[in-house]
Amino acid sequence: MGLPAEAENCIGLQGLFDEGWKVIDETEDGSTQRDVALIIAAQKVEHYEIASYGSLATLATTMQQPEVVKNFARSLRRRKIQMHCLLLSPKVKSM
């Protein structure tokens, strides 16, 4: 849209990261509970990113910015693939 991208701290995402570190502090290293909790924390981050990219793509559509839509759609596809991997790949020991 002709403007340079600027990095900003995201309070919501920082809260999710903090929650993940809390899980690490409160669970035993190598435990099933830690493994599951970290997968949940990662899924929350992916959901947040999917919602953000999807909303931004919709906004760019309403602003008739097809190149911007294309970029957000690409990022959205990558995030959905990552989420799919998180859902299918965890090899957590049976409890």
C-alpha atoms as a PDB file:
ATOM      1  CA  MET A   1       0.000   0.000   0.000  1.00  0.00           C
ATOM      2  CA  GLY A   2       3.047   2.183  -0.438  1.00  0.00           C
ATOM      3  CA  LEU A   3       4.024   2.367   3.233  1.00  0.00           C
ATOM      4  CA  PRO A   4       7.011   0.668   4.848  1.00  0.00           C
ATOM      5  CA  ALA A   5       6.236  -2.110   7.306  1.00  0.00           C
ATOM      6  CA  GLU A   6       6.934  -1.267  10.926  1.00  0.00           C
ATOM      7  CA  ALA A   7       7.432  -3.810  13.679  1.00  0.00           C
ATOM      8  CA  GLU A   8       5.279  -3.357  16.758  1.00  0.00           C
ATOM      9  CA  ASN A   9       5.069  -5.271  19.995  1.00  0.00           C
ATOM     10  CA  CYS A  10       1.839  -7.235  20.263  1.00  0.00           C
ATOM     11  CA  ILE A  11       0.482  -7.427  23.795  1.00  0.00           C
ATOM     12  CA  GLY A  12      -1.850 -10.338  22.976  1.00  0.00           C
ATOM     13  CA  LEU A  13       0.885 -12.473  21.449  1.00  0.00           C
ATOM     14  CA  GLN A  14       3.266 -11.584  24.280  1.00  0.00           C
ATOM     15  CA  GLY A  15       0.651 -12.893  26.717  1.00  0.00           C
ATOM     16  CA  LEU A  16       0.579 -16.205  24.857  1.00  0.00           C
ATOM     17  CA  PHE A  17       4.386 -16.431  24.976  1.00  0.00           C
ATOM     18  CA  ASP A  18       4.358 -15.644  28.694  1.00  0.00           C
ATOM     19  CA  GLU A  19       1.793 -18.374  29.228  1.00  0.00           C
ATOM     20  CA  GLY A  20       4.077 -20.840  27.426  1.00  0.00           C
ATOM     21  CA  TRP A  21       7.026 -19.920  29.661  1.00  0.00           C
ATOM     22  CA  LYS A  22       4.801 -20.335  32.715  1.00  0.00           C
ATOM     23  CA  VAL A  23       4.016 -23.886  31.585  1.00  0.00           C
ATOM     24  CA  ILE A  24       7.721 -24.615  31.331  1.00  0.00           C
ATOM     25  CA  ASP A  25       8.315 -23.256  34.832  1.00  0.00           C
ATOM     26  CA  GLU A  26       5.426 -25.210  36.357  1.00  0.00           C
ATOM     27  CA  THR A  27       5.929 -28.645  34.803  1.00  0.00           C
ATOM     28  CA  GLU A  28       8.632 -31.255  35.079  1.00  0.00           C
ATOM     29  CA  ASP A  29      11.214 -31.421  32.312  1.00  0.00           C
ATOM     30  CA  GLY A  30      10.450 -34.297  29.948  1.00  0.00           C
ATOM     31  CA  SER A  31       6.985 -34.926  31.401  1.00  0.00           C
ATOM     32  CA  THR A  32       3.928 -35.728  29.315  1.00  0.00           C
ATOM     33  CA  GLN A  33       2.125 -32.825  30.963  1.00  0.00           C
ATOM     34  CA  ARG A  34       4.796 -30.384  29.755  1.00  0.00           C
ATOM     35  CA  ASP A  35       4.729 -31.837  26.241  1.00  0.00           C
ATOM     36  CA  VAL A  36       0.941 -31.527  26.006  1.00  0.00           C
ATOM     37  CA  ALA A  37       0.908 -28.049  27.556  1.00  0.00           C
ATOM     38  CA  LEU A  38       3.553 -26.795  25.115  1.00  0.00           C
ATOM     39  CA  ILE A  39       1.594 -28.176  22.163  1.00  0.00           C
ATOM     40  CA  ILE A  40      -1.491 -26.360  23.467  1.00  0.00           C
ATOM     41  CA  ALA A  41       0.518 -23.135  23.858  1.00  0.00           C
ATOM     42  CA  ALA A  42       1.843 -23.444  20.286  1.00  0.00           C
ATOM     43  CA  GLN A  43      -1.675 -24.068  18.979  1.00  0.00           C
ATOM     44  CA  LYS A  44      -2.911 -20.913  20.714  1.00  0.00           C
ATOM     45  CA  VAL A  45      -0.198 -18.877  18.979  1.00  0.00           C
ATOM     46  CA  GLU A  46      -1.094 -20.381  15.600  1.00  0.00           C
ATOM     47  CA  HIS A  47      -4.809 -19.642  16.150  1.00  0.00           C
ATOM     48  CA  TYR A  48      -3.965 -16.054  17.018  1.00  0.00           C
ATOM     49  CA  GLU A  49      -1.866 -15.665  13.871  1.00  0.00           C
ATOM     50  CA  ILE A  50      -4.512 -17.322  11.675  1.00  0.00           C
ATOM     51  CA  ALA A  51      -7.170 -14.948  13.001  1.00  0.00           C
ATOM     52  CA  SER A  52      -4.891 -11.957  12.448  1.00  0.00           C
ATOM     53  CA  TYR A  53      -3.844 -12.830   8.892  1.00  0.00           C
ATOM     54  CA  GLY A  54      -7.389 -13.781   7.914  1.00  0.00           C
ATOM     55  CA  SER A  55      -8.777 -10.515   9.238  1.00  0.00           C
ATOM     56  CA  LEU A  56      -6.053  -8.465   7.566  1.00  0.00           C
ATOM     57  CA  ALA A  57      -6.666 -10.239   4.252  1.00  0.00           C
ATOM     58  CA  THR A  58     -10.354  -9.394   4.531  1.00  0.00           C
ATOM     59  CA  LEU A  59      -9.536  -5.767   5.316  1.00  0.00           C
ATOM     60  CA  ALA A  60      -7.184  -5.577   2.316  1.00  0.00           C
ATOM     61  CA  THR A  61      -9.950  -7.044   0.134  1.00  0.00           C
ATOM     62  CA  THR A  62     -12.355  -4.317   1.210  1.00  0.00           C
ATOM     63  CA  MET A  63      -9.650  -1.760   0.396  1.00  0.00           C
ATOM     64  CA  GLN A  64      -9.192  -3.289  -3.078  1.00  0.00           C
ATOM     65  CA  GLN A  65      -5.526  -4.140  -2.487  1.00  0.00           C
ATOM     66  CA  PRO A  66      -5.031  -7.462  -4.366  1.00  0.00           C
ATOM     67  CA  GLU A  67      -1.251  -7.646  -3.821  1.00  0.00           C
ATOM     68  CA  VAL A  68      -1.683  -7.150  -0.101  1.00  0.00           C
ATOM     69  CA  VAL A  69      -4.436  -9.777  -0.069  1.00  0.00           C
ATOM     70  CA  LYS A  70      -2.083 -12.167  -1.866  1.00  0.00           C
ATOM     71  CA  ASN A  71       0.655 -11.647   0.732  1.00  0.00           C
ATOM     72  CA  PHE A  72      -1.679 -12.152   3.685  1.00  0.00           C
ATOM     73  CA  ALA A  73      -3.271 -15.186   2.001  1.00  0.00           C
ATOM     74  CA  ARG A  74       0.194 -16.735   1.581  1.00  0.00           C
ATOM     75  CA  SER A  75       0.977 -16.149   5.257  1.00  0.00           C
ATOM     76  CA  LEU A  76      -2.430 -17.518   6.214  1.00  0.00           C
ATOM     77  CA  ARG A  77      -1.821 -20.730   4.242  1.00  0.00           C
ATOM     78  CA  ARG A  78       1.544 -21.225   5.972  1.00  0.00           C
ATOM     79  CA  ARG A  79      -0.002 -20.722   9.414  1.00  0.00           C
ATOM     80  CA  LYS A  80      -2.780 -23.224   8.618  1.00  0.00           C
ATOM     81  CA  ILE A  81      -0.206 -25.785   7.506  1.00  0.00           C
ATOM     82  CA  GLN A  82       1.722 -25.228  10.719  1.00  0.00           C
ATOM     83  CA  MET A  83      -1.464 -25.672  12.760  1.00  0.00           C
ATOM     84  CA  HIS A  84      -2.256 -28.873  10.882  1.00  0.00           C
ATOM     85  CA  CYS A  85       1.227 -30.188  11.704  1.00  0.00           C
ATOM     86  CA  LEU A  86       0.754 -29.380  15.385  1.00  0.00           C
ATOM     87  CA  LEU A  87      -2.554 -31.249  15.411  1.00  0.00           C
ATOM     88  CA  LEU A  88      -1.242 -34.353  13.669  1.00  0.00           C
ATOM     89  CA  SER A  89       2.376 -34.795  14.637  1.00  0.00           C
ATOM     90  CA  PRO A  90       2.643 -34.795  18.431  1.00  0.00           C
ATOM     91  CA  LYS A  91       4.034 -38.063  19.687  1.00  0.00           C
ATOM     92  CA  VAL A  92       3.084 -37.754  23.333  1.00  0.00           C
ATOM     93  CA  LYS A  93       3.707 -40.696  25.644  1.00  0.00           C
ATOM     94  CA  SER A  94       0.518 -42.318  26.805  1.00  0.00           C
ATOM     95  CA  MET A  95      -0.488 -41.174  30.275  1.00  0.00           C
END
